[in-house]
C-alpha cells in the first residue's frame, strides 16, 4: 500500500512543482482536474465556497505531462 500512496502523491507533488514555475506571485495556480472537481462540487451543492471562480489560462507545457490547461483560483 505504501508504494501506491507514494506513487499517487509523488505524481501530484511533481505536477504541482512543475506548475509552480508557470505561476504568478500571489496567485493560486490549479490544474484543470482540480478546477473541474471543485466547480462540480459547487454546482452540486449550490455553494459558491465564498465566491471563488476559476480564471482560465492558456495551455502550458508541463514536463512529464505534456500540454495542460490550468487556471488561477480567484475570489469573485
PDB file of N, CA and C in Angstrom:
ATOM      1  N   UNK A   1       0.824  -1.197   0.000  1.00  0.00           N
ATOM      2  CA  UNK A   1       0.000   0.000   0.000  1.00  0.00           C
ATOM      3  C   UNK A   1       0.862   1.253   0.000  1.00  0.00           C
ATOM      4  N   UNK A   2       1.964   1.224   0.740  1.00  0.00           N
ATOM      5  CA  UNK A   2       2.823   2.407   0.836  1.00  0.00           C
ATOM      6  C   UNK A   2       3.318   2.849  -0.537  1.00  0.00           C
ATOM      7  N   UNK A   3       3.745   1.906  -1.375  1.00  0.00           N
ATOM      8  CA  UNK A   3       4.266   2.295  -2.688  1.00  0.00           C
ATOM      9  C   UNK A   3       3.176   2.911  -3.564  1.00  0.00           C
ATOM     10  N   UNK A   4       1.946   2.435  -3.432  1.00  0.00           N
ATOM     11  CA  UNK A   4       0.836   3.001  -4.204  1.00  0.00           C
ATOM     12  C   UNK A   4       0.599   4.443  -3.775  1.00  0.00           C
ATOM     13  N   UNK A   5       0.562   4.698  -2.462  1.00  0.00           N
ATOM     14  CA  UNK A   5       0.352   6.061  -1.973  1.00  0.00           C
ATOM     15  C   UNK A   5       1.505   6.972  -2.400  1.00  0.00           C
ATOM     16  N   UNK A   6       2.725   6.462  -2.335  1.00  0.00           N
ATOM     17  CA  UNK A   6       3.878   7.268  -2.758  1.00  0.00           C
ATOM     18  C   UNK A   6       3.770   7.621  -4.235  1.00  0.00           C
ATOM     19  N   UNK A   7       3.345   6.668  -5.050  1.00  0.00           N
ATOM     20  CA  UNK A   7       3.188   6.926  -6.488  1.00  0.00           C
ATOM     21  C   UNK A   7       2.118   7.983  -6.729  1.00  0.00           C
ATOM     22  N   UNK A   8       1.005   7.888  -6.010  1.00  0.00           N
ATOM     23  CA  UNK A   8      -0.087   8.852  -6.180  1.00  0.00           C
ATOM     24  C   UNK A   8       0.368  10.244  -5.749  1.00  0.00           C
ATOM     25  N   UNK A   9       0.927  10.346  -4.557  1.00  0.00           N
ATOM     26  CA  UNK A   9       1.338  11.647  -4.046  1.00  0.00           C
ATOM     27  C   UNK A   9       2.530  12.201  -4.808  1.00  0.00           C
ATOM     28  N   UNK A  10       3.477  11.326  -5.222  1.00  0.00           N
ATOM     29  CA  UNK A  10       4.625  11.865  -5.937  1.00  0.00           C
ATOM     30  C   UNK A  10       4.204  12.498  -7.248  1.00  0.00           C
ATOM     31  N   UNK A  11       3.237  11.913  -7.937  1.00  0.00           N
ATOM     32  CA  UNK A  11       2.783  12.500  -9.200  1.00  0.00           C
ATOM     33  C   UNK A  11       2.161  13.863  -8.946  1.00  0.00           C
ATOM     34  N   UNK A  12       1.323  13.964  -7.913  1.00  0.00           N
ATOM     35  CA  UNK A  12       0.682  15.247  -7.600  1.00  0.00           C
ATOM     36  C   UNK A  12       1.717  16.292  -7.200  1.00  0.00           C
ATOM     37  N   UNK A  13       2.683  15.883  -6.394  1.00  0.00           N
ATOM     38  CA  UNK A  13       3.721  16.815  -5.947  1.00  0.00           C
ATOM     39  C   UNK A  13       4.597  17.248  -7.116  1.00  0.00           C
ATOM     40  N   UNK A  14       4.969  16.309  -7.974  1.00  0.00           N
ATOM     41  CA  UNK A  14       5.780  16.656  -9.148  1.00  0.00           C
ATOM     42  C   UNK A  14       5.037  17.608 -10.074  1.00  0.00           C
ATOM     43  N   UNK A  15       3.755  17.336 -10.315  1.00  0.00           N
ATOM     44  CA  UNK A  15       2.963  18.213 -11.179  1.00  0.00           C
ATOM     45  C   UNK A  15       2.858  19.607 -10.570  1.00  0.00           C
ATOM     46  N   UNK A  16       2.589  19.690  -9.265  1.00  0.00           N
ATOM     47  CA  UNK A  16       2.480  20.992  -8.595  1.00  0.00           C
ATOM     48  C   UNK A  16       3.796  21.754  -8.678  1.00  0.00           C
ATOM     49  N   UNK A  17       4.904  21.069  -8.481  1.00  0.00           N
ATOM     50  CA  UNK A  17       6.212  21.732  -8.550  1.00  0.00           C
ATOM     51  C   UNK A  17       6.480  22.266  -9.950  1.00  0.00           C
ATOM     52  N   UNK A  18       6.101  21.510 -10.944  1.00  0.00           N
ATOM     53  CA  UNK A  18       6.321  21.956 -12.329  1.00  0.00           C
ATOM     54  C   UNK A  18       5.379  23.089 -12.712  1.00  0.00           C
ATOM     55  N   UNK A  19       4.149  23.049 -12.193  1.00  0.00           N
ATOM     56  CA  UNK A  19       3.199  24.144 -12.452  1.00  0.00           C
ATOM     57  C   UNK A  19       3.665  25.427 -11.789  1.00  0.00           C
ATOM     58  N   UNK A  20       4.338  25.299 -10.645  1.00  0.00           N
ATOM     59  CA  UNK A  20       4.779  26.469  -9.890  1.00  0.00           C
ATOM     60  C   UNK A  20       5.651  27.387 -10.746  1.00  0.00           C
ATOM     61  N   UNK A  21       6.447  26.813 -11.609  1.00  0.00           N
ATOM     62  CA  UNK A  21       7.330  27.634 -12.443  1.00  0.00           C
ATOM     63  C   UNK A  21       6.556  28.436 -13.486  1.00  0.00           C
ATOM     64  N   UNK A  22       5.283  28.120 -13.690  1.00  0.00           N
ATOM     65  CA  UNK A  22       4.442  28.844 -14.645  1.00  0.00           C
ATOM     66  C   UNK A  22       3.436  29.762 -13.942  1.00  0.00           C
ATOM     67  N   UNK A  23       3.508  29.826 -12.620  1.00  0.00           N
ATOM     68  CA  UNK A  23       2.561  30.630 -11.854  1.00  0.00           C
ATOM     69  C   UNK A  23       2.958  32.090 -11.800  1.00  0.00           C
ATOM     70  N   UNK A  24       2.206  32.833 -11.018  1.00  0.00           N
ATOM     71  CA  UNK A  24       2.474  34.256 -10.792  1.00  0.00           C
ATOM     72  C   UNK A  24       2.441  34.513  -9.293  1.00  0.00           C
ATOM     73  N   UNK A  25       3.305  35.394  -8.803  1.00  0.00           N
ATOM     74  CA  UNK A  25       3.338  35.676  -7.363  1.00  0.00           C
ATOM     75  C   UNK A  25       1.967  36.109  -6.831  1.00  0.00           C
ATOM     76  N   UNK A  26       1.595  35.559  -5.693  1.00  0.00           N
ATOM     77  CA  UNK A  26       0.354  35.950  -5.040  1.00  0.00           C
ATOM     78  C   UNK A  26      -0.911  35.357  -5.642  1.00  0.00           C
ATOM     79  N   UNK A  27      -0.759  34.434  -6.597  1.00  0.00           N
ATOM     80  CA  UNK A  27      -1.924  33.818  -7.237  1.00  0.00           C
ATOM     81  C   UNK A  27      -1.882  32.309  -7.047  1.00  0.00           C
ATOM     82  N   UNK A  28      -3.048  31.696  -6.949  1.00  0.00           N
ATOM     83  CA  UNK A  28      -3.146  30.259  -6.755  1.00  0.00           C
ATOM     84  C   UNK A  28      -3.364  29.611  -8.113  1.00  0.00           C
ATOM     85  N   UNK A  29      -2.409  28.800  -8.518  1.00  0.00           N
ATOM     86  CA  UNK A  29      -2.402  28.150  -9.825  1.00  0.00           C
ATOM     87  C   UNK A  29      -2.872  26.712  -9.636  1.00  0.00           C
ATOM     88  N   UNK A  30      -3.942  26.303 -10.337  1.00  0.00           N
ATOM     89  CA  UNK A  30      -4.501  24.962 -10.154  1.00  0.00           C
ATOM     90  C   UNK A  30      -4.656  24.253 -11.487  1.00  0.00           C
ATOM     91  N   UNK A  31      -4.718  22.941 -11.410  1.00  0.00           N
ATOM     92  CA  UNK A  31      -4.892  22.121 -12.608  1.00  0.00           C
ATOM     93  C   UNK A  31      -6.353  22.144 -13.066  1.00  0.00           C
ATOM     94  N   UNK A  32      -6.551  21.729 -14.308  1.00  0.00           N
ATOM     95  CA  UNK A  32      -7.905  21.622 -14.840  1.00  0.00           C
ATOM     96  C   UNK A  32      -8.710  20.595 -14.052  1.00  0.00           C
ATOM     97  N   UNK A  33      -8.069  19.508 -13.655  1.00  0.00           N
ATOM     98  CA  UNK A  33      -8.763  18.475 -12.881  1.00  0.00           C
ATOM     99  C   UNK A  33      -9.247  19.022 -11.542  1.00  0.00           C
ATOM    100  N   UNK A  34      -8.409  19.783 -10.857  1.00  0.00           N
ATOM    101  CA  UNK A  34      -8.808  20.387  -9.586  1.00  0.00           C
ATOM    102  C   UNK A  34      -9.978  21.343  -9.801  1.00  0.00           C
ATOM    103  N   UNK A  35      -9.869  22.223 -10.798  1.00  0.00           N
ATOM    104  CA  UNK A  35     -10.933  23.187 -11.080  1.00  0.00           C
ATOM    105  C   UNK A  35     -12.244  22.468 -11.404  1.00  0.00           C
ATOM    106  N   UNK A  36     -12.160  21.391 -12.185  1.00  0.00           N
ATOM    107  CA  UNK A  36     -13.351  20.629 -12.557  1.00  0.00           C
ATOM    108  C   UNK A  36     -14.048  20.072 -11.319  1.00  0.00           C
ATOM    109  N   UNK A  37     -13.270  19.448 -10.433  1.00  0.00           N
ATOM    110  CA  UNK A  37     -13.875  18.823  -9.251  1.00  0.00           C
ATOM    111  C   UNK A  37     -14.464  19.856  -8.291  1.00  0.00           C
ATOM    112  N   UNK A  38     -13.783  20.957  -8.093  1.00  0.00           N
ATOM    113  CA  UNK A  38     -14.310  21.998  -7.205  1.00  0.00           C
ATOM    114  C   UNK A  38     -15.566  22.620  -7.815  1.00  0.00           C
ATOM    115  N   UNK A  39     -15.526  22.924  -9.121  1.00  0.00           N
ATOM    116  CA  UNK A  39     -16.697  23.509  -9.783  1.00  0.00           C
ATOM    117  C   UNK A  39     -17.880  22.547  -9.728  1.00  0.00           C
ATOM    118  N   UNK A  40     -17.614  21.264  -9.935  1.00  0.00           N
ATOM    119  CA  UNK A  40     -18.667  20.251  -9.864  1.00  0.00           C
ATOM    120  C   UNK A  40     -19.281  20.216  -8.467  1.00  0.00           C
ATOM    121  N   UNK A  41     -18.447  20.276  -7.459  1.00  0.00           N
ATOM    122  CA  UNK A  41     -18.932  20.294  -6.065  1.00  0.00           C
ATOM    123  C   UNK A  41     -19.796  21.529  -5.812  1.00  0.00           C
ATOM    124  N   UNK A  42     -19.344  22.678  -6.305  1.00  0.00           N
ATOM    125  CA  UNK A  42     -20.115  23.913  -6.123  1.00  0.00           C
ATOM    126  C   UNK A  42     -21.462  23.809  -6.826  1.00  0.00           C
ATOM    127  N   UNK A  43     -21.483  23.246  -8.025  1.00  0.00           N
ATOM    128  CA  UNK A  43     -22.732  23.091  -8.778  1.00  0.00           C
ATOM    129  C   UNK A  43     -23.693  22.134  -8.068  1.00  0.00           C
ATOM    130  N   UNK A  44     -23.154  21.051  -7.525  1.00  0.00           N
ATOM    131  CA  UNK A  44     -23.997  20.051  -6.868  1.00  0.00           C
ATOM    132  C   UNK A  44     -24.588  20.565  -5.564  1.00  0.00           C
ATOM    133  N   UNK A  45     -23.832  21.355  -4.828  1.00  0.00           N
ATOM    134  CA  UNK A  45     -24.291  21.803  -3.510  1.00  0.00           C
ATOM    135  C   UNK A  45     -24.947  23.181  -3.536  1.00  0.00           C
ATOM    136  N   UNK A  46     -24.742  23.924  -4.617  1.00  0.00           N
ATOM    137  CA  UNK A  46     -25.256  25.283  -4.675  1.00  0.00           C
ATOM    138  C   UNK A  46     -24.445  26.248  -3.829  1.00  0.00           C
ATOM    139  N   UNK A  47     -23.300  25.808  -3.363  1.00  0.00           N
ATOM    140  CA  UNK A  47     -22.422  26.622  -2.518  1.00  0.00           C
ATOM    141  C   UNK A  47     -21.316  27.216  -3.388  1.00  0.00           C
ATOM    142  N   UNK A  48     -21.150  28.535  -3.320  1.00  0.00           N
ATOM    143  CA  UNK A  48     -20.105  29.161  -4.147  1.00  0.00           C
ATOM    144  C   UNK A  48     -18.754  29.194  -3.435  1.00  0.00           C
ATOM    145  N   UNK A  49     -18.667  28.541  -2.269  1.00  0.00           N
ATOM    146  CA  UNK A  49     -17.423  28.437  -1.496  1.00  0.00           C
ATOM    147  C   UNK A  49     -16.766  29.787  -1.277  1.00  0.00           C
ATOM    148  N   UNK A  50     -17.571  30.747  -0.912  1.00  0.00           N
ATOM    149  CA  UNK A  50     -17.042  32.079  -0.623  1.00  0.00           C
ATOM    150  C   UNK A  50     -16.811  32.923  -1.856  1.00  0.00           C
ATOM    151  N   UNK A  51     -17.394  32.541  -2.960  1.00  0.00           N
ATOM    152  CA  UNK A  51     -17.289  33.340  -4.181  1.00  0.00           C
ATOM    153  C   UNK A  51     -16.049  33.065  -5.013  1.00  0.00           C
ATOM    154  N   UNK A  52     -15.555  31.815  -4.985  1.00  0.00           N
ATOM    155  CA  UNK A  52     -14.380  31.543  -5.809  1.00  0.00           C
ATOM    156  C   UNK A  52     -14.776  31.292  -7.258  1.00  0.00           C
ATOM    157  N   UNK A  53     -13.908  31.687  -8.133  1.00  0.00           N
ATOM    158  CA  UNK A  53     -14.070  31.457  -9.568  1.00  0.00           C
ATOM    159  C   UNK A  53     -12.718  31.006 -10.116  1.00  0.00           C
ATOM    160  N   UNK A  54     -12.736  30.430 -11.302  1.00  0.00           N
ATOM    161  CA  UNK A  54     -11.516  29.968 -11.940  1.00  0.00           C
ATOM    162  C   UNK A  54     -11.263  30.785 -13.203  1.00  0.00           C
ATOM    163  N   UNK A  55     -10.107  31.415 -13.252  1.00  0.00           N
ATOM    164  CA  UNK A  55      -9.696  32.187 -14.421  1.00  0.00           C
ATOM    165  C   UNK A  55      -8.874  31.266 -15.323  1.00  0.00           C
ATOM    166  N   UNK A  56      -9.410  30.977 -16.504  1.00  0.00           N
ATOM    167  CA  UNK A  56      -8.749  30.064 -17.430  1.00  0.00           C
ATOM    168  C   UNK A  56      -7.474  30.680 -17.988  1.00  0.00           C
ATOM    169  N   UNK A  57      -6.455  29.862 -18.119  1.00  0.00           N
ATOM    170  CA  UNK A  57      -5.190  30.278 -18.723  1.00  0.00           C
ATOM    171  C   UNK A  57      -4.983  29.496 -20.014  1.00  0.00           C
ATOM    172  N   UNK A  58      -4.011  29.924 -20.794  1.00  0.00           N
ATOM    173  CA  UNK A  58      -3.664  29.153 -21.984  1.00  0.00           C
ATOM    174  C   UNK A  58      -3.014  27.850 -21.546  1.00  0.00           C
ATOM    175  N   UNK A  59      -3.049  26.851 -22.421  1.00  0.00           N
ATOM    176  CA  UNK A  59      -2.381  25.598 -22.096  1.00  0.00           C
ATOM    177  C   UNK A  59      -0.888  25.846 -21.964  1.00  0.00           C
ATOM    178  N   UNK A  60      -0.271  25.107 -21.032  1.00  0.00           N
ATOM    179  CA  UNK A  60       1.169  25.233 -20.830  1.00  0.00           C
ATOM    180  C   UNK A  60       1.799  23.847 -20.889  1.00  0.00           C
ATOM    181  N   UNK A  61       3.056  23.811 -21.253  1.00  0.00           N
ATOM    182  CA  UNK A  61       3.804  22.558 -21.318  1.00  0.00           C
ATOM    183  C   UNK A  61       4.329  22.231 -19.920  1.00  0.00           C
ATOM    184  N   UNK A  62       3.918  21.081 -19.401  1.00  0.00           N
ATOM    185  CA  UNK A  62       4.378  20.617 -18.096  1.00  0.00           C
ATOM    186  C   UNK A  62       5.247  19.385 -18.334  1.00  0.00           C
ATOM    187  N   UNK A  63       6.502  19.470 -17.918  1.00  0.00           N
ATOM    188  CA  UNK A  63       7.447  18.366 -18.116  1.00  0.00           C
ATOM    189  C   UNK A  63       6.868  17.066 -17.567  1.00  0.00           C
ATOM    190  N   UNK A  64       6.880  16.039 -18.394  1.00  0.00           N
ATOM    191  CA  UNK A  64       6.376  14.737 -17.984  1.00  0.00           C
ATOM    192  C   UNK A  64       4.875  14.581 -18.120  1.00  0.00           C
ATOM    193  N   UNK A  65       4.168  15.676 -18.401  1.00  0.00           N
ATOM    194  CA  UNK A  65       2.706  15.645 -18.525  1.00  0.00           C
ATOM    195  C   UNK A  65       2.236  16.063 -19.917  1.00  0.00           C
ATOM    196  N   UNK A  66       3.031  16.877 -20.574  1.00  0.00           N
ATOM    197  CA  UNK A  66       2.615  17.413 -21.864  1.00  0.00           C
ATOM    198  C   UNK A  66       1.863  18.720 -21.671  1.00  0.00           C
ATOM    199  N   UNK A  67       0.986  19.017 -22.612  1.00  0.00           N
ATOM    200  CA  UNK A  67       0.216  20.256 -22.551  1.00  0.00           C
ATOM    201  C   UNK A  67      -0.915  20.099 -21.534  1.00  0.00           C
ATOM    202  N   UNK A  68      -1.023  21.074 -20.650  1.00  0.00           N
ATOM    203  CA  UNK A  68      -2.078  21.056 -19.627  1.00  0.00           C
ATOM    204  C   UNK A  68      -2.786  22.399 -19.586  1.00  0.00           C
ATOM    205  N   UNK A  69      -4.097  22.345 -19.442  1.00  0.00           N
ATOM    206  CA  UNK A  69      -4.874  23.555 -19.211  1.00  0.00           C
ATOM    207  C   UNK A  69      -4.864  23.812 -17.719  1.00  0.00           C
ATOM    208  N   UNK A  70      -4.578  25.032 -17.351  1.00  0.00           N
ATOM    209  CA  UNK A  70      -4.540  25.389 -15.937  1.00  0.00           C
ATOM    210  C   UNK A  70      -5.370  26.643 -15.697  1.00  0.00           C
ATOM    211  N   UNK A  71      -5.606  26.929 -14.427  1.00  0.00           N
ATOM    212  CA  UNK A  71      -6.455  28.046 -14.024  1.00  0.00           C
ATOM    213  C   UNK A  71      -5.825  28.768 -12.839  1.00  0.00           C
ATOM    214  N   UNK A  72      -6.214  30.018 -12.657  1.00  0.00           N
ATOM    215  CA  UNK A  72      -5.937  30.710 -11.417  1.00  0.00           C
ATOM    216  C   UNK A  72      -7.226  30.694 -10.617  1.00  0.00           C
ATOM    217  N   UNK A  73      -7.118  30.377  -9.334  1.00  0.00           N
ATOM    218  CA  UNK A  73      -8.267  30.408  -8.445  1.00  0.00           C
ATOM    219  C   UNK A  73      -8.372  31.847  -7.930  1.00  0.00           C
ATOM    220  N   UNK A  74      -9.537  32.438  -8.100  1.00  0.00           N
ATOM    221  CA  UNK A  74      -9.754  33.850  -7.729  1.00  0.00           C
ATOM    222  C   UNK A  74     -10.975  33.964  -6.839  1.00  0.00           C
ATOM    223  N   UNK A  75     -11.033  35.022  -6.084  1.00  0.00           N
ATOM    224  CA  UNK A  75     -12.221  35.339  -5.295  1.00  0.00           C
ATOM    225  C   UNK A  75     -13.027  36.362  -6.090  1.00  0.00           C
ATOM    226  N   UNK A  76     -14.296  36.041  -6.329  1.00  0.00           N
ATOM    227  CA  UNK A  76     -15.146  36.921  -7.144  1.00  0.00           C
ATOM    228  C   UNK A  76     -15.415  38.240  -6.442  1.00  0.00           C
TER     229      UNK A  76
END
